[in-house]
Amino acid sequence: MEGIEVMTDKGFFHPDRGYWQTIEEPSQDVLAAYPAGTVEVPLKPGEYYEWIDDAWVEVLPTPEELRETMPTLSAAQYRQGMLGAGHNPQEVTDAIAAMPDGPEKESIAIEWEYATFYDRLDTFVVVVGDLLGMTPEETDDMWMAAATIPNKHRRR
């Protein structure tokens, strides 16, 4: 159509700089400024794709990598999430009390009583999940459900 400019996204890749995308055809001056070794590539098909051997290859993150990116929960969100997963606070307290005496038990008890925020891969979270017989996947599901609970106690 006359008078309407069509935007054409372009994808580029450089082995050291990775992938980038433009929203229009770069000028020759811009292309000349790209680092040597830059190649035009098809647009990246999704978040979990990497340019390998001249093609986009899906590389899914491991469960551990996904857990590293899960949001921090407030203590209230964590406790509400555990309740939603069928584990009330007294059950957690009792499971910690049943641990063998020693530094690990004391550390876990301190985290349960005093921590205000938790990260998915905190030792406390892993140990409590184990104590309650939760699989890592069940803890993940609980975690992501708890993350949707309004956080009234935001970290400042």
N, C-alpha and C. Protein backbone atom coordinates (compact mmCIF):
# COMPACT_ATOMS: atom_id res chain seq x y z
N MET A 1 0.84 -1.17 0.00
CA MET A 1 0.00 0.00 0.00
C MET A 1 0.88 1.23 0.00
N GLU A 2 0.52 2.17 -0.78
CA GLU A 2 1.31 3.37 -0.94
C GLU A 2 1.27 4.22 0.33
N GLY A 3 2.43 4.72 0.75
CA GLY A 3 2.50 5.60 1.90
C GLY A 3 2.61 4.88 3.24
N ILE A 4 2.47 3.57 3.24
CA ILE A 4 2.59 2.83 4.49
C ILE A 4 3.94 2.13 4.51
N GLU A 5 4.71 2.42 5.56
CA GLU A 5 6.02 1.80 5.70
C GLU A 5 5.85 0.45 6.39
N VAL A 6 6.40 -0.59 5.78
CA VAL A 6 6.32 -1.93 6.35
C VAL A 6 7.60 -2.18 7.15
N MET A 7 7.42 -2.53 8.41
CA MET A 7 8.55 -2.85 9.27
C MET A 7 8.93 -4.31 9.03
N THR A 8 10.20 -4.56 8.88
CA THR A 8 10.68 -5.90 8.67
C THR A 8 11.73 -6.21 9.73
N ASP A 9 11.38 -7.07 10.68
CA ASP A 9 12.34 -7.47 11.71
C ASP A 9 13.45 -8.30 11.06
N LYS A 10 14.66 -8.09 11.53
CA LYS A 10 15.82 -8.84 11.06
C LYS A 10 16.56 -9.39 12.27
N GLY A 11 17.06 -10.61 12.15
CA GLY A 11 17.83 -11.22 13.23
C GLY A 11 19.29 -11.32 12.85
N PHE A 12 20.15 -11.12 13.84
CA PHE A 12 21.60 -11.20 13.63
C PHE A 12 22.23 -11.97 14.78
N PHE A 13 23.35 -12.62 14.47
CA PHE A 13 24.05 -13.39 15.49
C PHE A 13 25.55 -13.19 15.33
N HIS A 14 26.21 -13.06 16.49
CA HIS A 14 27.67 -13.00 16.53
C HIS A 14 28.11 -13.98 17.62
N PRO A 15 29.13 -14.80 17.36
CA PRO A 15 29.54 -15.81 18.34
C PRO A 15 29.86 -15.27 19.73
N ASP A 16 30.41 -14.06 19.82
CA ASP A 16 30.76 -13.49 21.12
C ASP A 16 29.67 -12.59 21.70
N ARG A 17 28.86 -12.03 20.85
CA ARG A 17 27.85 -11.06 21.30
C ARG A 17 26.45 -11.62 21.35
N GLY A 18 26.25 -12.80 20.77
CA GLY A 18 24.93 -13.42 20.82
C GLY A 18 23.99 -12.91 19.75
N TYR A 19 22.70 -13.00 20.05
CA TYR A 19 21.63 -12.67 19.10
C TYR A 19 21.07 -11.29 19.39
N TRP A 20 20.72 -10.58 18.33
CA TRP A 20 19.95 -9.36 18.47
C TRP A 20 19.03 -9.23 17.27
N GLN A 21 18.06 -8.37 17.43
CA GLN A 21 17.01 -8.23 16.43
C GLN A 21 16.78 -6.75 16.17
N THR A 22 16.58 -6.41 14.90
CA THR A 22 16.25 -5.03 14.54
C THR A 22 14.79 -4.97 14.11
N ILE A 23 14.20 -3.79 14.13
CA ILE A 23 12.81 -3.65 13.72
C ILE A 23 12.68 -3.15 12.28
N GLU A 24 13.81 -2.94 11.64
CA GLU A 24 13.80 -2.53 10.24
C GLU A 24 15.11 -2.94 9.59
N GLU A 25 15.15 -2.83 8.31
CA GLU A 25 16.37 -3.16 7.55
C GLU A 25 17.47 -2.19 7.95
N PRO A 26 18.58 -2.67 8.52
CA PRO A 26 19.67 -1.76 8.89
C PRO A 26 20.32 -1.15 7.64
N SER A 27 20.75 0.09 7.76
CA SER A 27 21.44 0.74 6.66
C SER A 27 22.80 0.07 6.45
N GLN A 28 23.42 0.35 5.32
CA GLN A 28 24.74 -0.21 5.05
C GLN A 28 25.77 0.26 6.08
N ASP A 29 25.62 1.52 6.54
CA ASP A 29 26.53 2.04 7.57
C ASP A 29 26.38 1.26 8.88
N VAL A 30 25.16 0.97 9.24
CA VAL A 30 24.92 0.20 10.47
C VAL A 30 25.47 -1.21 10.32
N LEU A 31 25.19 -1.85 9.18
CA LEU A 31 25.71 -3.20 8.95
C LEU A 31 27.24 -3.23 8.99
N ALA A 32 27.87 -2.20 8.44
CA ALA A 32 29.33 -2.14 8.42
C ALA A 32 29.89 -1.99 9.85
N ALA A 33 29.09 -1.43 10.76
CA ALA A 33 29.55 -1.24 12.14
C ALA A 33 29.39 -2.51 12.99
N TYR A 34 28.64 -3.50 12.49
CA TYR A 34 28.50 -4.75 13.24
C TYR A 34 29.86 -5.43 13.31
N PRO A 35 30.13 -6.15 14.39
CA PRO A 35 31.45 -6.80 14.51
C PRO A 35 31.65 -7.87 13.43
N ALA A 36 32.90 -8.02 13.04
CA ALA A 36 33.25 -9.04 12.05
C ALA A 36 32.77 -10.40 12.55
N GLY A 37 32.19 -11.19 11.68
CA GLY A 37 31.67 -12.50 12.06
C GLY A 37 30.17 -12.49 12.30
N THR A 38 29.54 -11.31 12.24
CA THR A 38 28.10 -11.22 12.41
C THR A 38 27.41 -11.79 11.18
N VAL A 39 26.38 -12.59 11.40
CA VAL A 39 25.62 -13.15 10.29
C VAL A 39 24.13 -12.85 10.50
N GLU A 40 23.42 -12.69 9.40
CA GLU A 40 21.97 -12.55 9.49
C GLU A 40 21.39 -13.94 9.66
N VAL A 41 20.43 -14.06 10.58
CA VAL A 41 19.82 -15.35 10.88
C VAL A 41 18.31 -15.18 10.89
N PRO A 42 17.57 -16.29 10.75
CA PRO A 42 16.12 -16.18 10.91
C PRO A 42 15.79 -15.67 12.31
N LEU A 43 14.63 -15.07 12.48
CA LEU A 43 14.23 -14.58 13.79
C LEU A 43 14.19 -15.72 14.79
N LYS A 44 14.60 -15.42 16.00
CA LYS A 44 14.63 -16.42 17.07
C LYS A 44 13.20 -16.88 17.35
N PRO A 45 12.96 -18.20 17.29
CA PRO A 45 11.59 -18.70 17.41
C PRO A 45 11.02 -18.69 18.84
N GLY A 46 11.85 -18.52 19.86
CA GLY A 46 11.34 -18.52 21.23
C GLY A 46 12.46 -18.32 22.22
N GLU A 47 12.07 -18.18 23.48
CA GLU A 47 13.01 -17.87 24.54
C GLU A 47 14.11 -18.92 24.70
N TYR A 48 13.77 -20.18 24.53
CA TYR A 48 14.72 -21.25 24.83
C TYR A 48 15.39 -21.81 23.59
N TYR A 49 15.76 -20.95 22.69
CA TYR A 49 16.46 -21.38 21.48
C TYR A 49 17.83 -20.74 21.45
N GLU A 50 18.80 -21.52 20.94
CA GLU A 50 20.17 -21.03 20.77
C GLU A 50 20.60 -21.31 19.34
N TRP A 51 21.40 -20.39 18.79
CA TRP A 51 21.93 -20.54 17.46
C TRP A 51 23.14 -21.47 17.53
N ILE A 52 22.99 -22.68 16.99
CA ILE A 52 24.03 -23.70 17.04
C ILE A 52 24.20 -24.31 15.65
N ASP A 53 25.41 -24.27 15.13
CA ASP A 53 25.71 -24.88 13.83
C ASP A 53 24.73 -24.42 12.75
N ASP A 54 24.53 -23.11 12.65
CA ASP A 54 23.72 -22.51 11.58
C ASP A 54 22.23 -22.84 11.65
N ALA A 55 21.72 -23.11 12.84
CA ALA A 55 20.29 -23.38 12.99
C ALA A 55 19.85 -23.06 14.42
N TRP A 56 18.57 -22.71 14.58
CA TRP A 56 18.02 -22.53 15.92
C TRP A 56 17.72 -23.90 16.51
N VAL A 57 18.23 -24.12 17.71
CA VAL A 57 18.04 -25.39 18.41
C VAL A 57 17.38 -25.09 19.76
N GLU A 58 16.29 -25.81 20.05
CA GLU A 58 15.63 -25.61 21.33
C GLU A 58 16.49 -26.22 22.44
N VAL A 59 16.81 -25.40 23.44
CA VAL A 59 17.61 -25.83 24.59
C VAL A 59 16.81 -25.46 25.84
N LEU A 60 16.09 -26.43 26.35
CA LEU A 60 15.25 -26.17 27.52
C LEU A 60 16.09 -26.10 28.78
N PRO A 61 15.75 -25.19 29.68
CA PRO A 61 16.50 -25.12 30.94
C PRO A 61 16.22 -26.35 31.80
N THR A 62 17.19 -26.68 32.62
CA THR A 62 17.00 -27.79 33.55
C THR A 62 16.04 -27.34 34.66
N PRO A 63 15.45 -28.28 35.37
CA PRO A 63 14.60 -27.88 36.51
C PRO A 63 15.36 -26.99 37.50
N GLU A 64 16.63 -27.29 37.73
CA GLU A 64 17.43 -26.48 38.66
C GLU A 64 17.59 -25.05 38.14
N GLU A 65 17.82 -24.90 36.84
CA GLU A 65 17.94 -23.56 36.25
C GLU A 65 16.62 -22.80 36.37
N LEU A 66 15.50 -23.48 36.18
CA LEU A 66 14.20 -22.83 36.34
C LEU A 66 13.98 -22.41 37.79
N ARG A 67 14.40 -23.26 38.72
CA ARG A 67 14.23 -22.93 40.14
C ARG A 67 15.03 -21.69 40.53
N GLU A 68 16.19 -21.51 39.90
CA GLU A 68 17.01 -20.33 40.18
C GLU A 68 16.29 -19.04 39.80
N THR A 69 15.37 -19.12 38.85
CA THR A 69 14.68 -17.92 38.38
C THR A 69 13.33 -17.69 39.06
N MET A 70 12.93 -18.61 39.93
CA MET A 70 11.64 -18.44 40.61
C MET A 70 11.69 -17.24 41.54
N PRO A 71 10.56 -16.56 41.70
CA PRO A 71 10.56 -15.35 42.53
C PRO A 71 10.78 -15.65 44.01
N THR A 72 11.28 -14.66 44.71
CA THR A 72 11.40 -14.73 46.16
C THR A 72 9.99 -14.65 46.75
N LEU A 73 9.75 -15.43 47.80
CA LEU A 73 8.46 -15.38 48.50
C LEU A 73 8.64 -14.75 49.88
N SER A 74 7.64 -13.99 50.30
CA SER A 74 7.64 -13.54 51.69
C SER A 74 7.31 -14.76 52.55
N ALA A 75 7.59 -14.63 53.84
CA ALA A 75 7.26 -15.73 54.76
C ALA A 75 5.77 -16.02 54.72
N ALA A 76 4.96 -14.97 54.63
CA ALA A 76 3.50 -15.16 54.57
C ALA A 76 3.10 -15.91 53.31
N GLN A 77 3.67 -15.54 52.16
CA GLN A 77 3.36 -16.25 50.92
C GLN A 77 3.77 -17.71 51.03
N TYR A 78 4.96 -17.97 51.58
CA TYR A 78 5.44 -19.34 51.73
C TYR A 78 4.48 -20.14 52.60
N ARG A 79 4.10 -19.59 53.74
CA ARG A 79 3.21 -20.31 54.64
C ARG A 79 1.83 -20.52 54.01
N GLN A 80 1.32 -19.51 53.31
CA GLN A 80 0.03 -19.67 52.61
C GLN A 80 0.15 -20.73 51.51
N GLY A 81 1.28 -20.73 50.81
CA GLY A 81 1.50 -21.73 49.76
C GLY A 81 1.55 -23.13 50.33
N MET A 82 2.24 -23.29 51.46
CA MET A 82 2.30 -24.61 52.10
C MET A 82 0.91 -25.04 52.54
N LEU A 83 0.13 -24.11 53.08
CA LEU A 83 -1.23 -24.43 53.49
C LEU A 83 -2.06 -24.88 52.29
N GLY A 84 -1.91 -24.16 51.17
CA GLY A 84 -2.61 -24.54 49.94
C GLY A 84 -2.19 -25.91 49.42
N ALA A 85 -0.95 -26.31 49.74
CA ALA A 85 -0.45 -27.62 49.32
C ALA A 85 -0.77 -28.71 50.35
N GLY A 86 -1.55 -28.33 51.38
CA GLY A 86 -1.98 -29.33 52.36
C GLY A 86 -1.09 -29.48 53.57
N HIS A 87 -0.19 -28.52 53.80
CA HIS A 87 0.74 -28.60 54.93
C HIS A 87 0.58 -27.37 55.81
N ASN A 88 -0.01 -27.55 56.99
CA ASN A 88 -0.22 -26.41 57.87
C ASN A 88 1.05 -26.07 58.64
N PRO A 89 1.12 -24.85 59.18
CA PRO A 89 2.34 -24.43 59.88
C PRO A 89 2.74 -25.35 61.04
N GLN A 90 1.78 -25.90 61.75
CA GLN A 90 2.13 -26.80 62.86
C GLN A 90 2.83 -28.06 62.34
N GLU A 91 2.41 -28.54 61.19
CA GLU A 91 3.06 -29.72 60.59
C GLU A 91 4.53 -29.42 60.30
N VAL A 92 4.81 -28.21 59.81
CA VAL A 92 6.20 -27.83 59.54
C VAL A 92 6.96 -27.76 60.86
N THR A 93 6.39 -27.11 61.85
CA THR A 93 7.04 -27.00 63.16
C THR A 93 7.33 -28.39 63.74
N ASP A 94 6.36 -29.29 63.65
CA ASP A 94 6.55 -30.65 64.17
C ASP A 94 7.63 -31.41 63.40
N ALA A 95 7.67 -31.24 62.09
CA ALA A 95 8.69 -31.93 61.29
C ALA A 95 10.09 -31.44 61.66
N ILE A 96 10.21 -30.14 61.88
CA ILE A 96 11.52 -29.59 62.30
C ILE A 96 11.88 -30.11 63.68
N ALA A 97 10.92 -30.15 64.60
CA ALA A 97 11.17 -30.63 65.96
C ALA A 97 11.61 -32.09 65.96
N ALA A 98 11.15 -32.86 64.96
CA ALA A 98 11.49 -34.29 64.90
C ALA A 98 12.88 -34.54 64.29
N MET A 99 13.53 -33.50 63.78
CA MET A 99 14.87 -33.67 63.21
C MET A 99 15.86 -34.02 64.31
N PRO A 100 16.93 -34.72 63.96
CA PRO A 100 17.97 -35.00 64.96
C PRO A 100 18.57 -33.69 65.47
N ASP A 101 18.86 -33.64 66.76
CA ASP A 101 19.47 -32.44 67.33
C ASP A 101 20.81 -32.16 66.65
N GLY A 102 21.11 -30.89 66.50
CA GLY A 102 22.37 -30.50 65.90
C GLY A 102 22.25 -29.19 65.15
N PRO A 103 23.34 -28.75 64.56
CA PRO A 103 23.37 -27.45 63.90
C PRO A 103 22.36 -27.32 62.75
N GLU A 104 22.14 -28.41 61.98
CA GLU A 104 21.20 -28.31 60.86
C GLU A 104 19.79 -28.04 61.39
N LYS A 105 19.40 -28.77 62.42
CA LYS A 105 18.07 -28.57 63.01
C LYS A 105 17.93 -27.14 63.53
N GLU A 106 18.94 -26.66 64.24
CA GLU A 106 18.89 -25.30 64.78
C GLU A 106 18.78 -24.26 63.67
N SER A 107 19.55 -24.45 62.62
CA SER A 107 19.52 -23.52 61.49
C SER A 107 18.14 -23.50 60.82
N ILE A 108 17.59 -24.69 60.59
CA ILE A 108 16.26 -24.79 59.96
C ILE A 108 15.20 -24.16 60.87
N ALA A 109 15.30 -24.41 62.17
CA ALA A 109 14.33 -23.84 63.12
C ALA A 109 14.41 -22.31 63.13
N ILE A 110 15.62 -21.77 63.07
CA ILE A 110 15.79 -20.31 63.03
C ILE A 110 15.16 -19.74 61.76
N GLU A 111 15.42 -20.39 60.62
CA GLU A 111 14.83 -19.92 59.36
C GLU A 111 13.30 -19.95 59.43
N TRP A 112 12.73 -21.01 59.96
CA TRP A 112 11.28 -21.14 60.06
C TRP A 112 10.70 -20.03 60.94
N GLU A 113 11.37 -19.76 62.05
CA GLU A 113 10.82 -18.79 63.01
C GLU A 113 11.09 -17.34 62.63
N TYR A 114 12.25 -17.05 62.04
CA TYR A 114 12.65 -15.66 61.89
C TYR A 114 12.80 -15.13 60.47
N ALA A 115 12.96 -15.99 59.48
CA ALA A 115 13.16 -15.50 58.11
C ALA A 115 11.92 -14.74 57.64
N THR A 116 12.14 -13.70 56.86
CA THR A 116 11.02 -12.94 56.32
C THR A 116 10.83 -13.20 54.84
N PHE A 117 11.85 -13.77 54.18
CA PHE A 117 11.78 -14.09 52.75
C PHE A 117 12.51 -15.40 52.49
N TYR A 118 12.05 -16.08 51.45
CA TYR A 118 12.67 -17.35 51.06
C TYR A 118 12.88 -17.36 49.54
N ASP A 119 13.98 -17.98 49.14
CA ASP A 119 14.23 -18.26 47.73
C ASP A 119 14.03 -19.76 47.53
N ARG A 120 13.62 -20.13 46.33
CA ARG A 120 13.26 -21.52 46.05
C ARG A 120 14.38 -22.51 46.38
N LEU A 121 15.63 -22.13 46.16
CA LEU A 121 16.73 -23.07 46.39
C LEU A 121 17.40 -22.90 47.75
N ASP A 122 16.79 -22.12 48.65
CA ASP A 122 17.32 -22.03 50.01
C ASP A 122 17.35 -23.42 50.63
N THR A 123 18.39 -23.71 51.39
CA THR A 123 18.49 -24.99 52.06
C THR A 123 17.24 -25.26 52.89
N PHE A 124 16.74 -24.25 53.58
CA PHE A 124 15.54 -24.39 54.39
C PHE A 124 14.38 -24.95 53.56
N VAL A 125 14.14 -24.38 52.39
CA VAL A 125 13.01 -24.79 51.55
C VAL A 125 13.18 -26.23 51.10
N VAL A 126 14.38 -26.60 50.70
CA VAL A 126 14.65 -27.96 50.26
C VAL A 126 14.46 -28.95 51.40
N VAL A 127 15.01 -28.63 52.57
CA VAL A 127 14.90 -29.53 53.72
C VAL A 127 13.45 -29.69 54.16
N VAL A 128 12.71 -28.59 54.26
CA VAL A 128 11.32 -28.69 54.70
C VAL A 128 10.51 -29.51 53.69
N GLY A 129 10.73 -29.30 52.41
CA GLY A 129 10.04 -30.12 51.41
C GLY A 129 10.33 -31.59 51.62
N ASP A 130 11.60 -31.93 51.86
CA ASP A 130 11.97 -33.32 52.11
C ASP A 130 11.31 -33.85 53.38
N LEU A 131 11.33 -33.06 54.44
CA LEU A 131 10.73 -33.49 55.71
C LEU A 131 9.25 -33.81 55.56
N LEU A 132 8.57 -33.06 54.68
CA LEU A 132 7.14 -33.25 54.50
C LEU A 132 6.81 -34.23 53.38
N GLY A 133 7.84 -34.83 52.79
CA GLY A 133 7.62 -35.81 51.73
C GLY A 133 7.20 -35.20 50.40
N MET A 134 7.53 -33.92 50.18
CA MET A 134 7.19 -33.25 48.92
C MET A 134 8.30 -33.51 47.91
N THR A 135 7.91 -33.83 46.68
CA THR A 135 8.91 -33.94 45.62
C THR A 135 9.34 -32.52 45.23
N PRO A 136 10.50 -32.38 44.60
CA PRO A 136 10.89 -31.05 44.12
C PRO A 136 9.82 -30.43 43.20
N GLU A 137 9.18 -31.26 42.40
CA GLU A 137 8.14 -30.75 41.49
C GLU A 137 6.92 -30.27 42.27
N GLU A 138 6.56 -30.97 43.34
CA GLU A 138 5.45 -30.52 44.18
C GLU A 138 5.80 -29.20 44.86
N THR A 139 7.05 -29.07 45.30
CA THR A 139 7.48 -27.80 45.90
C THR A 139 7.45 -26.70 44.85
N ASP A 140 7.88 -27.00 43.62
CA ASP A 140 7.81 -26.01 42.53
C ASP A 140 6.38 -25.53 42.32
N ASP A 141 5.44 -26.48 42.26
CA ASP A 141 4.04 -26.13 42.03
C ASP A 141 3.51 -25.27 43.17
N MET A 142 3.83 -25.66 44.41
CA MET A 142 3.42 -24.87 45.56
C MET A 142 4.00 -23.47 45.47
N TRP A 143 5.28 -23.40 45.09
CA TRP A 143 6.01 -22.13 45.04
C TRP A 143 5.35 -21.18 44.05
N MET A 144 5.08 -21.67 42.86
CA MET A 144 4.52 -20.80 41.83
C MET A 144 3.08 -20.39 42.18
N ALA A 145 2.34 -21.26 42.84
CA ALA A 145 1.00 -20.87 43.30
C ALA A 145 1.12 -19.80 44.38
N ALA A 146 2.06 -19.97 45.30
CA ALA A 146 2.25 -18.99 46.37
C ALA A 146 2.70 -17.64 45.83
N ALA A 147 3.45 -17.66 44.74
CA ALA A 147 3.93 -16.41 44.15
C ALA A 147 2.79 -15.54 43.64
N THR A 148 1.62 -16.13 43.41
CA THR A 148 0.47 -15.35 42.92
C THR A 148 -0.31 -14.72 44.07
N ILE A 149 0.00 -15.09 45.31
CA ILE A 149 -0.68 -14.51 46.48
C ILE A 149 -0.14 -13.09 46.66
N PRO A 150 -1.03 -12.11 46.81
CA PRO A 150 -0.53 -10.73 46.99
C PRO A 150 0.46 -10.66 48.15
N ASN A 151 1.57 -10.01 47.88
CA ASN A 151 2.64 -9.89 48.86
C ASN A 151 2.48 -8.56 49.60
N LYS A 152 1.97 -8.62 50.79
CA LYS A 152 1.73 -7.40 51.57
C LYS A 152 2.97 -6.97 52.35
N HIS A 153 4.00 -7.80 52.29
CA HIS A 153 5.21 -7.54 53.06
C HIS A 153 6.41 -7.51 52.12
N ARG A 154 6.40 -6.57 51.23
CA ARG A 154 7.44 -6.50 50.20
C ARG A 154 8.80 -6.14 50.79
N ARG A 155 9.81 -6.75 50.19
CA ARG A 155 11.20 -6.44 50.54
C ARG A 155 11.47 -5.02 50.03
N ARG A 156 12.10 -4.23 50.83
CA ARG A 156 12.36 -2.84 50.43
C ARG A 156 13.81 -2.67 50.07
